[in-house]
C-alpha atoms as a PDB file:
ATOM      1  CA  UNK A   1      19.195  14.295   0.728  1.00  0.00           C
ATOM      2  CA  UNK A   2      17.530  11.914  -1.755  1.00  0.00           C
ATOM      3  CA  UNK A   3      17.443   8.161  -1.078  1.00  0.00           C
ATOM      4  CA  UNK A   4      16.129   7.088  -4.461  1.00  0.00           C
ATOM      5  CA  UNK A   5      13.347   4.495  -4.746  1.00  0.00           C
ATOM      6  CA  UNK A   6      11.622   3.191  -7.840  1.00  0.00           C
ATOM      7  CA  UNK A   7       8.266   2.584  -6.161  1.00  0.00           C
ATOM      8  CA  UNK A   8       6.701   3.827  -2.911  1.00  0.00           C
ATOM      9  CA  UNK A   9       3.513   2.232  -1.538  1.00  0.00           C
ATOM     10  CA  UNK A  10       1.374   4.255   0.882  1.00  0.00           C
ATOM     11  CA  UNK A  11      -1.078   2.360   3.097  1.00  0.00           C
ATOM     12  CA  UNK A  12      -3.233   3.063   6.149  1.00  0.00           C
ATOM     13  CA  UNK A  13      -2.201   0.119   8.331  1.00  0.00           C
ATOM     14  CA  UNK A  14       0.606  -2.432   8.506  1.00  0.00           C
ATOM     15  CA  UNK A  15      -0.554  -5.347   6.289  1.00  0.00           C
ATOM     16  CA  UNK A  16      -2.679  -3.216   3.906  1.00  0.00           C
ATOM     17  CA  UNK A  17       0.121  -2.895   1.350  1.00  0.00           C
ATOM     18  CA  UNK A  18       0.906  -6.620   1.599  1.00  0.00           C
ATOM     19  CA  UNK A  19      -2.734  -7.681   1.200  1.00  0.00           C
ATOM     20  CA  UNK A  20      -3.546  -5.292  -1.641  1.00  0.00           C
ATOM     21  CA  UNK A  21      -0.316  -5.011  -3.651  1.00  0.00           C
ATOM     22  CA  UNK A  22       2.033  -7.519  -2.032  1.00  0.00           C
ATOM     23  CA  UNK A  23       2.294  -9.454  -5.275  1.00  0.00           C
ATOM     24  CA  UNK A  24       3.152  -6.340  -7.251  1.00  0.00           C
ATOM     25  CA  UNK A  25       5.850  -5.392  -4.721  1.00  0.00           C
ATOM     26  CA  UNK A  26       7.282  -8.915  -4.810  1.00  0.00           C
ATOM     27  CA  UNK A  27       7.422  -8.828  -8.611  1.00  0.00           C
ATOM     28  CA  UNK A  28       9.118  -5.446  -8.561  1.00  0.00           C
ATOM     29  CA  UNK A  29      11.671  -6.633  -5.997  1.00  0.00           C
ATOM     30  CA  UNK A  30      12.444  -9.693  -8.128  1.00  0.00           C
ATOM     31  CA  UNK A  31      13.019  -7.354 -11.082  1.00  0.00           C
ATOM     32  CA  UNK A  32      15.603  -5.444  -9.054  1.00  0.00           C
ATOM     33  CA  UNK A  33      13.428  -2.408  -8.330  1.00  0.00           C
ATOM     34  CA  UNK A  34      13.964  -0.477  -5.107  1.00  0.00           C
ATOM     35  CA  UNK A  35      10.666  -0.401  -3.227  1.00  0.00           C
ATOM     36  CA  UNK A  36       9.518   1.199   0.012  1.00  0.00           C
ATOM     37  CA  UNK A  37       6.350   1.468   2.086  1.00  0.00           C
ATOM     38  CA  UNK A  38       4.848   4.233   4.201  1.00  0.00           C
ATOM     39  CA  UNK A  39       2.298   3.028   6.767  1.00  0.00           C
ATOM     40  CA  UNK A  40       0.160   5.894   8.007  1.00  0.00           C
ATOM     41  CA  UNK A  41      -0.707   4.246  11.376  1.00  0.00           C
ATOM     42  CA  UNK A  42       0.570   1.329  13.456  1.00  0.00           C
ATOM     43  CA  UNK A  43      -2.808  -0.417  13.462  1.00  0.00           C
ATOM     44  CA  UNK A  44      -3.079  -0.142  17.226  1.00  0.00           C
ATOM     45  CA  UNK A  45      -6.905   0.063  17.194  1.00  0.00           C
ATOM     46  CA  UNK A  46      -7.327  -3.310  15.502  1.00  0.00           C
ATOM     47  CA  UNK A  47      -9.548  -5.829  17.259  1.00  0.00           C
ATOM     48  CA  UNK A  48      -6.775  -8.405  17.065  1.00  0.00           C
ATOM     49  CA  UNK A  49      -3.170  -8.016  18.135  1.00  0.00           C
ATOM     50  CA  UNK A  50      -1.294  -5.346  20.042  1.00  0.00           C
ATOM     51  CA  UNK A  51       0.889  -2.584  18.663  1.00  0.00           C
ATOM     52  CA  UNK A  52       3.919  -4.685  19.629  1.00  0.00           C
ATOM     53  CA  UNK A  53       2.480  -7.677  17.736  1.00  0.00           C
ATOM     54  CA  UNK A  54       1.986  -5.528  14.640  1.00  0.00           C
ATOM     55  CA  UNK A  55       5.539  -4.172  14.864  1.00  0.00           C
ATOM     56  CA  UNK A  56       7.034  -7.682  15.031  1.00  0.00           C
ATOM     57  CA  UNK A  57       4.849  -8.868  12.172  1.00  0.00           C
ATOM     58  CA  UNK A  58       5.778  -5.880  10.031  1.00  0.00           C
ATOM     59  CA  UNK A  59       9.484  -6.589  10.583  1.00  0.00           C
ATOM     60  CA  UNK A  60       8.969 -10.178   9.411  1.00  0.00           C
ATOM     61  CA  UNK A  61       7.087  -8.980   6.329  1.00  0.00           C
ATOM     62  CA  UNK A  62       9.835  -6.481   5.516  1.00  0.00           C
ATOM     63  CA  UNK A  63      12.432  -9.249   5.528  1.00  0.00           C
ATOM     64  CA  UNK A  64      10.328 -11.398   3.218  1.00  0.00           C
ATOM     65  CA  UNK A  65       9.551  -8.518   0.858  1.00  0.00           C
ATOM     66  CA  UNK A  66      13.131  -7.398   0.648  1.00  0.00           C
ATOM     67  CA  UNK A  67      12.067  -3.749   0.562  1.00  0.00           C
ATOM     68  CA  UNK A  68      14.603  -0.970   0.839  1.00  0.00           C
ATOM     69  CA  UNK A  69      12.860   1.122   3.487  1.00  0.00           C
ATOM     70  CA  UNK A  70       9.643   1.442   5.500  1.00  0.00           C
ATOM     71  CA  UNK A  71       8.295   4.461   7.381  1.00  0.00           C
ATOM     72  CA  UNK A  72       5.342   5.108   9.671  1.00  0.00           C
ATOM     73  CA  UNK A  73       3.639   8.506   9.948  1.00  0.00           C
ATOM     74  CA  UNK A  74       2.352   7.562  13.429  1.00  0.00           C
ATOM     75  CA  UNK A  75      -1.119   8.976  12.799  1.00  0.00           C
ATOM     76  CA  UNK A  76      -3.799   7.650  15.188  1.00  0.00           C
ATOM     77  CA  UNK A  77      -5.384   4.423  13.973  1.00  0.00           C
ATOM     78  CA  UNK A  78      -9.099   4.825  13.319  1.00  0.00           C
ATOM     79  CA  UNK A  79      -8.736   8.615  13.254  1.00  0.00           C
ATOM     80  CA  UNK A  80      -6.715   9.355  10.119  1.00  0.00           C
ATOM     81  CA  UNK A  81      -7.348  12.850   8.781  1.00  0.00           C
ATOM     82  CA  UNK A  82      -5.902  14.769   5.859  1.00  0.00           C
ATOM     83  CA  UNK A  83      -4.269  17.565   7.838  1.00  0.00           C
ATOM     84  CA  UNK A  84      -1.702  20.088   6.614  1.00  0.00           C
ATOM     85  CA  UNK A  85       0.941  18.547   8.877  1.00  0.00           C
ATOM     86  CA  UNK A  86       0.266  14.972   7.714  1.00  0.00           C
ATOM     87  CA  UNK A  87       0.308  15.751   4.027  1.00  0.00           C
ATOM     88  CA  UNK A  88       3.476  17.851   4.281  1.00  0.00           C
ATOM     89  CA  UNK A  89       5.272  15.106   6.238  1.00  0.00           C
ATOM     90  CA  UNK A  90       4.241  12.583   3.599  1.00  0.00           C
ATOM     91  CA  UNK A  91       5.251  14.966   0.810  1.00  0.00           C
ATOM     92  CA  UNK A  92       8.680  15.246   2.465  1.00  0.00           C
ATOM     93  CA  UNK A  93       9.071  11.455   2.311  1.00  0.00           C
ATOM     94  CA  UNK A  94       8.096  11.465  -1.356  1.00  0.00           C
ATOM     95  CA  UNK A  95      10.712  14.131  -2.065  1.00  0.00           C
ATOM     96  CA  UNK A  96      13.273  12.241  -0.012  1.00  0.00           C
ATOM     97  CA  UNK A  97      12.819   9.002  -1.942  1.00  0.00           C
ATOM     98  CA  UNK A  98      11.895  10.485  -5.354  1.00  0.00           C
ATOM     99  CA  UNK A  99      10.002   7.385  -6.552  1.00  0.00           C
ATOM    100  CA  UNK A 100       8.913   7.025 -10.164  1.00  0.00           C
ATOM    101  CA  UNK A 101       5.662   5.396  -9.062  1.00  0.00           C
ATOM    102  CA  UNK A 102       3.421   5.799  -6.017  1.00  0.00           C
ATOM    103  CA  UNK A 103       0.958   3.029  -5.108  1.00  0.00           C
ATOM    104  CA  UNK A 104      -1.735   4.266  -2.716  1.00  0.00           C
ATOM    105  CA  UNK A 105      -5.049   3.236  -1.220  1.00  0.00           C
ATOM    106  CA  UNK A 106      -8.121   4.212  -3.191  1.00  0.00           C
ATOM    107  CA  UNK A 107      -9.922   7.389  -2.176  1.00  0.00           C
ATOM    108  CA  UNK A 108     -13.225   5.494  -1.945  1.00  0.00           C
ATOM    109  CA  UNK A 109     -13.376   2.817   0.744  1.00  0.00           C
ATOM    110  CA  UNK A 110     -15.670   1.685   3.536  1.00  0.00           C
ATOM    111  CA  UNK A 111     -12.852   2.042   6.077  1.00  0.00           C
ATOM    112  CA  UNK A 112     -12.415   5.780   6.800  1.00  0.00           C
ATOM    113  CA  UNK A 113      -8.674   5.331   7.350  1.00  0.00           C
ATOM    114  CA  UNK A 114      -8.264   3.761   3.915  1.00  0.00           C
ATOM    115  CA  UNK A 115     -10.183   6.514   2.145  1.00  0.00           C
ATOM    116  CA  UNK A 116      -8.387   9.246   4.090  1.00  0.00           C
ATOM    117  CA  UNK A 117      -5.020   7.672   3.291  1.00  0.00           C
ATOM    118  CA  UNK A 118      -5.895   7.656  -0.409  1.00  0.00           C
ATOM    119  CA  UNK A 119      -6.720  11.364  -0.274  1.00  0.00           C
ATOM    120  CA  UNK A 120      -3.642  12.073   1.834  1.00  0.00           C
ATOM    121  CA  UNK A 121      -1.411  10.272  -0.674  1.00  0.00           C
ATOM    122  CA  UNK A 122      -2.904  12.118  -3.660  1.00  0.00           C
ATOM    123  CA  UNK A 123      -2.521  15.525  -2.027  1.00  0.00           C
ATOM    124  CA  UNK A 124       1.014  14.766  -0.814  1.00  0.00           C
ATOM    125  CA  UNK A 125       1.931  13.479  -4.298  1.00  0.00           C
ATOM    126  CA  UNK A 126       0.951  16.845  -5.729  1.00  0.00           C
ATOM    127  CA  UNK A 127       2.549  18.944  -2.979  1.00  0.00           C
ATOM    128  CA  UNK A 128       5.825  17.038  -3.321  1.00  0.00           C
ATOM    129  CA  UNK A 129       6.257  18.689  -6.710  1.00  0.00           C
ATOM    130  CA  UNK A 130       6.010  22.286  -5.432  1.00  0.00           C
ATOM    131  CA  UNK A 131       9.441  23.890  -5.483  1.00  0.00           C
ATOM    132  CA  UNK A 132       8.666  26.656  -3.004  1.00  0.00           C
ATOM    133  CA  UNK A 133       7.302  24.198  -0.435  1.00  0.00           C
ATOM    134  CA  UNK A 134      10.465  22.105  -0.774  1.00  0.00           C
ATOM    135  CA  UNK A 135      12.570  25.237  -0.246  1.00  0.00           C
ATOM    136  CA  UNK A 136      10.611  26.191   2.874  1.00  0.00           C
ATOM    137  CA  UNK A 137      10.957  22.650   4.260  1.00  0.00           C
ATOM    138  CA  UNK A 138      14.700  22.777   3.647  1.00  0.00           C
ATOM    139  CA  UNK A 139      14.940  19.124   2.599  1.00  0.00           C
ATOM    140  CA  UNK A 140      15.168  17.303  -0.724  1.00  0.00           C
ATOM    141  CA  UNK A 141      14.240  19.205  -3.849  1.00  0.00           C
ATOM    142  CA  UNK A 142      10.758  19.065  -5.335  1.00  0.00           C
ATOM    143  CA  UNK A 143       9.748  15.799  -6.987  1.00  0.00           C
ATOM    144  CA  UNK A 144       6.345  14.673  -8.228  1.00  0.00           C
ATOM    145  CA  UNK A 145       6.352  10.988  -9.259  1.00  0.00           C
ATOM    146  CA  UNK A 146       5.436  10.311 -12.862  1.00  0.00           C
ATOM    147  CA  UNK A 147       2.672   7.877 -11.920  1.00  0.00           C
ATOM    148  CA  UNK A 148       0.170   7.538  -9.067  1.00  0.00           C
ATOM    149  CA  UNK A 149      -1.843   4.316  -9.011  1.00  0.00           C
ATOM    150  CA  UNK A 150      -4.549   3.447  -6.487  1.00  0.00           C
ATOM    151  CA  UNK A 151      -4.992  -0.096  -5.197  1.00  0.00           C
ATOM    152  CA  UNK A 152      -8.245  -1.730  -4.191  1.00  0.00           C
ATOM    153  CA  UNK A 153      -9.561  -1.975  -0.641  1.00  0.00           C
ATOM    154  CA  UNK A 154     -13.142  -2.800   0.350  1.00  0.00           C
ATOM    155  CA  UNK A 155     -14.747  -0.992  -2.610  1.00  0.00           C
ATOM    156  CA  UNK A 156     -14.247  -2.413  -6.092  1.00  0.00           C
ATOM    157  CA  UNK A 157     -13.476  -0.358  -9.187  1.00  0.00           C
ATOM    158  CA  UNK A 158     -12.934  -1.029 -12.865  1.00  0.00           C
ATOM    159  CA  UNK A 159      -9.132  -1.176 -12.992  1.00  0.00           C
ATOM    160  CA  UNK A 160      -6.938   0.633 -15.476  1.00  0.00           C
ATOM    161  CA  UNK A 161      -4.738  -2.443 -15.583  1.00  0.00           C
ATOM    162  CA  UNK A 162      -4.122  -5.671 -13.659  1.00  0.00           C
ATOM    163  CA  UNK A 163      -0.710  -6.934 -12.574  1.00  0.00           C
ATOM    164  CA  UNK A 164      -0.082 -10.641 -13.190  1.00  0.00           C
ATOM    165  CA  UNK A 165       1.104 -12.005  -9.818  1.00  0.00           C
ATOM    166  CA  UNK A 166       0.853 -15.722 -10.615  1.00  0.00           C
ATOM    167  CA  UNK A 167       4.593 -16.264 -10.353  1.00  0.00           C
ATOM    168  CA  UNK A 168       4.695 -14.839  -6.815  1.00  0.00           C
ATOM    169  CA  UNK A 169       1.285 -15.923  -5.505  1.00  0.00           C
ATOM    170  CA  UNK A 170       2.561 -18.482  -2.970  1.00  0.00           C
ATOM    171  CA  UNK A 171       5.123 -15.946  -1.747  1.00  0.00           C
ATOM    172  CA  UNK A 172       2.364 -13.355  -1.325  1.00  0.00           C
ATOM    173  CA  UNK A 173       0.344 -15.762   0.813  1.00  0.00           C
ATOM    174  CA  UNK A 174       3.465 -16.377   2.918  1.00  0.00           C
ATOM    175  CA  UNK A 175       3.917 -12.612   3.169  1.00  0.00           C
ATOM    176  CA  UNK A 176       0.396 -11.964   4.449  1.00  0.00           C
ATOM    177  CA  UNK A 177       0.741 -14.872   6.889  1.00  0.00           C
ATOM    178  CA  UNK A 178       3.456 -12.836   8.610  1.00  0.00           C
ATOM    179  CA  UNK A 179       0.551 -10.909  10.171  1.00  0.00           C
ATOM    180  CA  UNK A 180      -0.483 -13.823  12.375  1.00  0.00           C
ATOM    181  CA  UNK A 181      -2.452 -11.717  14.840  1.00  0.00           C
ATOM    182  CA  UNK A 182      -4.803 -10.597  12.061  1.00  0.00           C
ATOM    183  CA  UNK A 183      -5.488 -14.124  10.834  1.00  0.00           C
ATOM    184  CA  UNK A 184      -6.051 -16.084  14.038  1.00  0.00           C
ATOM    185  CA  UNK A 185      -9.098 -15.822  16.363  1.00  0.00           C
ATOM    186  CA  UNK A 186      -8.464 -13.601  19.377  1.00  0.00           C
ATOM    187  CA  UNK A 187     -10.751 -15.597  21.685  1.00  0.00           C
ATOM    188  CA  UNK A 188     -13.565 -18.171  21.776  1.00  0.00           C
ATOM    189  CA  UNK A 189     -16.107 -15.629  20.550  1.00  0.00           C
ATOM    190  CA  UNK A 190     -13.948 -14.631  17.580  1.00  0.00           C
ATOM    191  CA  UNK A 191     -14.802 -16.906  14.638  1.00  0.00           C
ATOM    192  CA  UNK A 192     -11.610 -15.976  12.849  1.00  0.00           C
ATOM    193  CA  UNK A 193     -13.365 -14.093  10.082  1.00  0.00           C
ATOM    194  CA  UNK A 194     -12.998 -10.629   8.668  1.00  0.00           C
ATOM    195  CA  UNK A 195     -15.858  -8.865  10.398  1.00  0.00           C
ATOM    196  CA  UNK A 196     -17.031  -6.736   7.469  1.00  0.00           C
ATOM    197  CA  UNK A 197     -17.766  -9.421   4.892  1.00  0.00           C
ATOM    198  CA  UNK A 198     -17.772 -12.663   6.870  1.00  0.00           C
ATOM    199  CA  UNK A 199     -14.793 -14.237   5.114  1.00  0.00           C
ATOM    200  CA  UNK A 200     -11.273 -14.272   6.427  1.00  0.00           C
ATOM    201  CA  UNK A 201      -8.547 -12.119   4.912  1.00  0.00           C
ATOM    202  CA  UNK A 202      -6.809 -14.909   2.988  1.00  0.00           C
ATOM    203  CA  UNK A 203     -10.078 -16.118   1.452  1.00  0.00           C
ATOM    204  CA  UNK A 204     -11.054 -12.645   0.306  1.00  0.00           C
ATOM    205  CA  UNK A 205      -7.565 -12.000  -1.035  1.00  0.00           C
ATOM    206  CA  UNK A 206      -7.599 -15.179  -3.118  1.00  0.00           C
ATOM    207  CA  UNK A 207     -11.130 -14.607  -4.428  1.00  0.00           C
ATOM    208  CA  UNK A 208     -10.197 -11.140  -5.646  1.00  0.00           C
ATOM    209  CA  UNK A 209      -6.877 -12.250  -7.120  1.00  0.00           C
ATOM    210  CA  UNK A 210      -8.523 -15.081  -9.046  1.00  0.00           C
ATOM    211  CA  UNK A 211     -11.302 -12.803 -10.321  1.00  0.00           C
ATOM    212  CA  UNK A 212      -8.999 -10.095 -11.630  1.00  0.00           C
ATOM    213  CA  UNK A 213      -6.475 -12.614 -12.851  1.00  0.00           C
ATOM    214  CA  UNK A 214      -9.167 -14.290 -14.941  1.00  0.00           C
ATOM    215  CA  UNK A 215     -10.028 -10.949 -16.503  1.00  0.00           C
ATOM    216  CA  UNK A 216      -6.548 -10.768 -18.040  1.00  0.00           C
ATOM    217  CA  UNK A 217      -6.196 -14.494 -18.685  1.00  0.00           C
ATOM    218  CA  UNK A 218      -3.870 -15.429 -15.826  1.00  0.00           C
ATOM    219  CA  UNK A 219      -4.244 -17.272 -12.506  1.00  0.00           C
ATOM    220  CA  UNK A 220      -3.922 -14.329 -10.093  1.00  0.00           C
ATOM    221  CA  UNK A 221      -3.966 -10.571 -10.535  1.00  0.00           C
ATOM    222  CA  UNK A 222      -3.862  -7.313  -8.571  1.00  0.00           C
ATOM    223  CA  UNK A 223      -6.001  -4.431  -9.899  1.00  0.00           C
ATOM    224  CA  UNK A 224      -4.695  -0.851 -10.055  1.00  0.00           C
ATOM    225  CA  UNK A 225      -6.408   2.382 -11.023  1.00  0.00           C
ATOM    226  CA  UNK A 226      -4.959   5.493 -12.668  1.00  0.00           C
ATOM    227  CA  UNK A 227      -6.831   8.744 -13.210  1.00  0.00           C
ATOM    228  CA  UNK A 228      -6.809   9.673 -16.865  1.00  0.00           C
ATOM    229  CA  UNK A 229      -5.251   7.910 -19.868  1.00  0.00           C
ATOM    230  CA  UNK A 230      -1.859   6.239 -19.888  1.00  0.00           C
ATOM    231  CA  UNK A 231       0.597   6.089 -22.806  1.00  0.00           C
ATOM    232  CA  UNK A 232       0.340   2.956 -24.894  1.00  0.00           C
ATOM    233  CA  UNK A 233       3.955   1.964 -24.258  1.00  0.00           C
ATOM    234  CA  UNK A 234       4.800   2.922 -20.697  1.00  0.00           C
ATOM    235  CA  UNK A 235       8.086   1.481 -19.370  1.00  0.00           C
ATOM    236  CA  UNK A 236       6.741   1.867 -15.815  1.00  0.00           C
ATOM    237  CA  UNK A 237       4.150  -0.810 -16.543  1.00  0.00           C
ATOM    238  CA  UNK A 238       6.741  -3.358 -17.636  1.00  0.00           C
END
């Protein structure tokens, strides 16, 4: 049975989609698009917050986003691998929701879970379009989304295009603040910074959004990458 979505975002951990493409999802929701998210793990290995904390925070973010549905593949945090089982379960979700667009982590990232999730999403995107696999699974019929775009994690890239998120910037900040456990120091030794680059999540998010926004002449932007050329007039980019 198909539960049609317009856009499906695939991310390694709860909060990755919000941090990286939260503005894009908010814009899409405002335009009446049906959006969903698949988190690959529950983020239980994070230095800050418990699994229960992350679950409560994700529920708050869902309400603010107004998304149609959210799934979790329940893969082990910190140990994400592109296995046959994982990619076929993700392909089944893609068939089930038949999105026109998939937004996924980039395949190159310093965090192994992010990079693995990008590869997992790309392989599942392809497999979702195989008719025989859909028949064997006995679920929704084959569907390969028309577009697969990667969003930026820790490794920068030259984007194919940048989404103007100026109109929803304050709402995106509010959205990411739902993940309180990831923003506040866990103890006296925790300086409240993102350990990899020495700046907290909100600071890094704003720096990137301002940089890519400036490149297209707006206040804030979110970069996306497509493999290969895109048509000049693509209604999916509207």
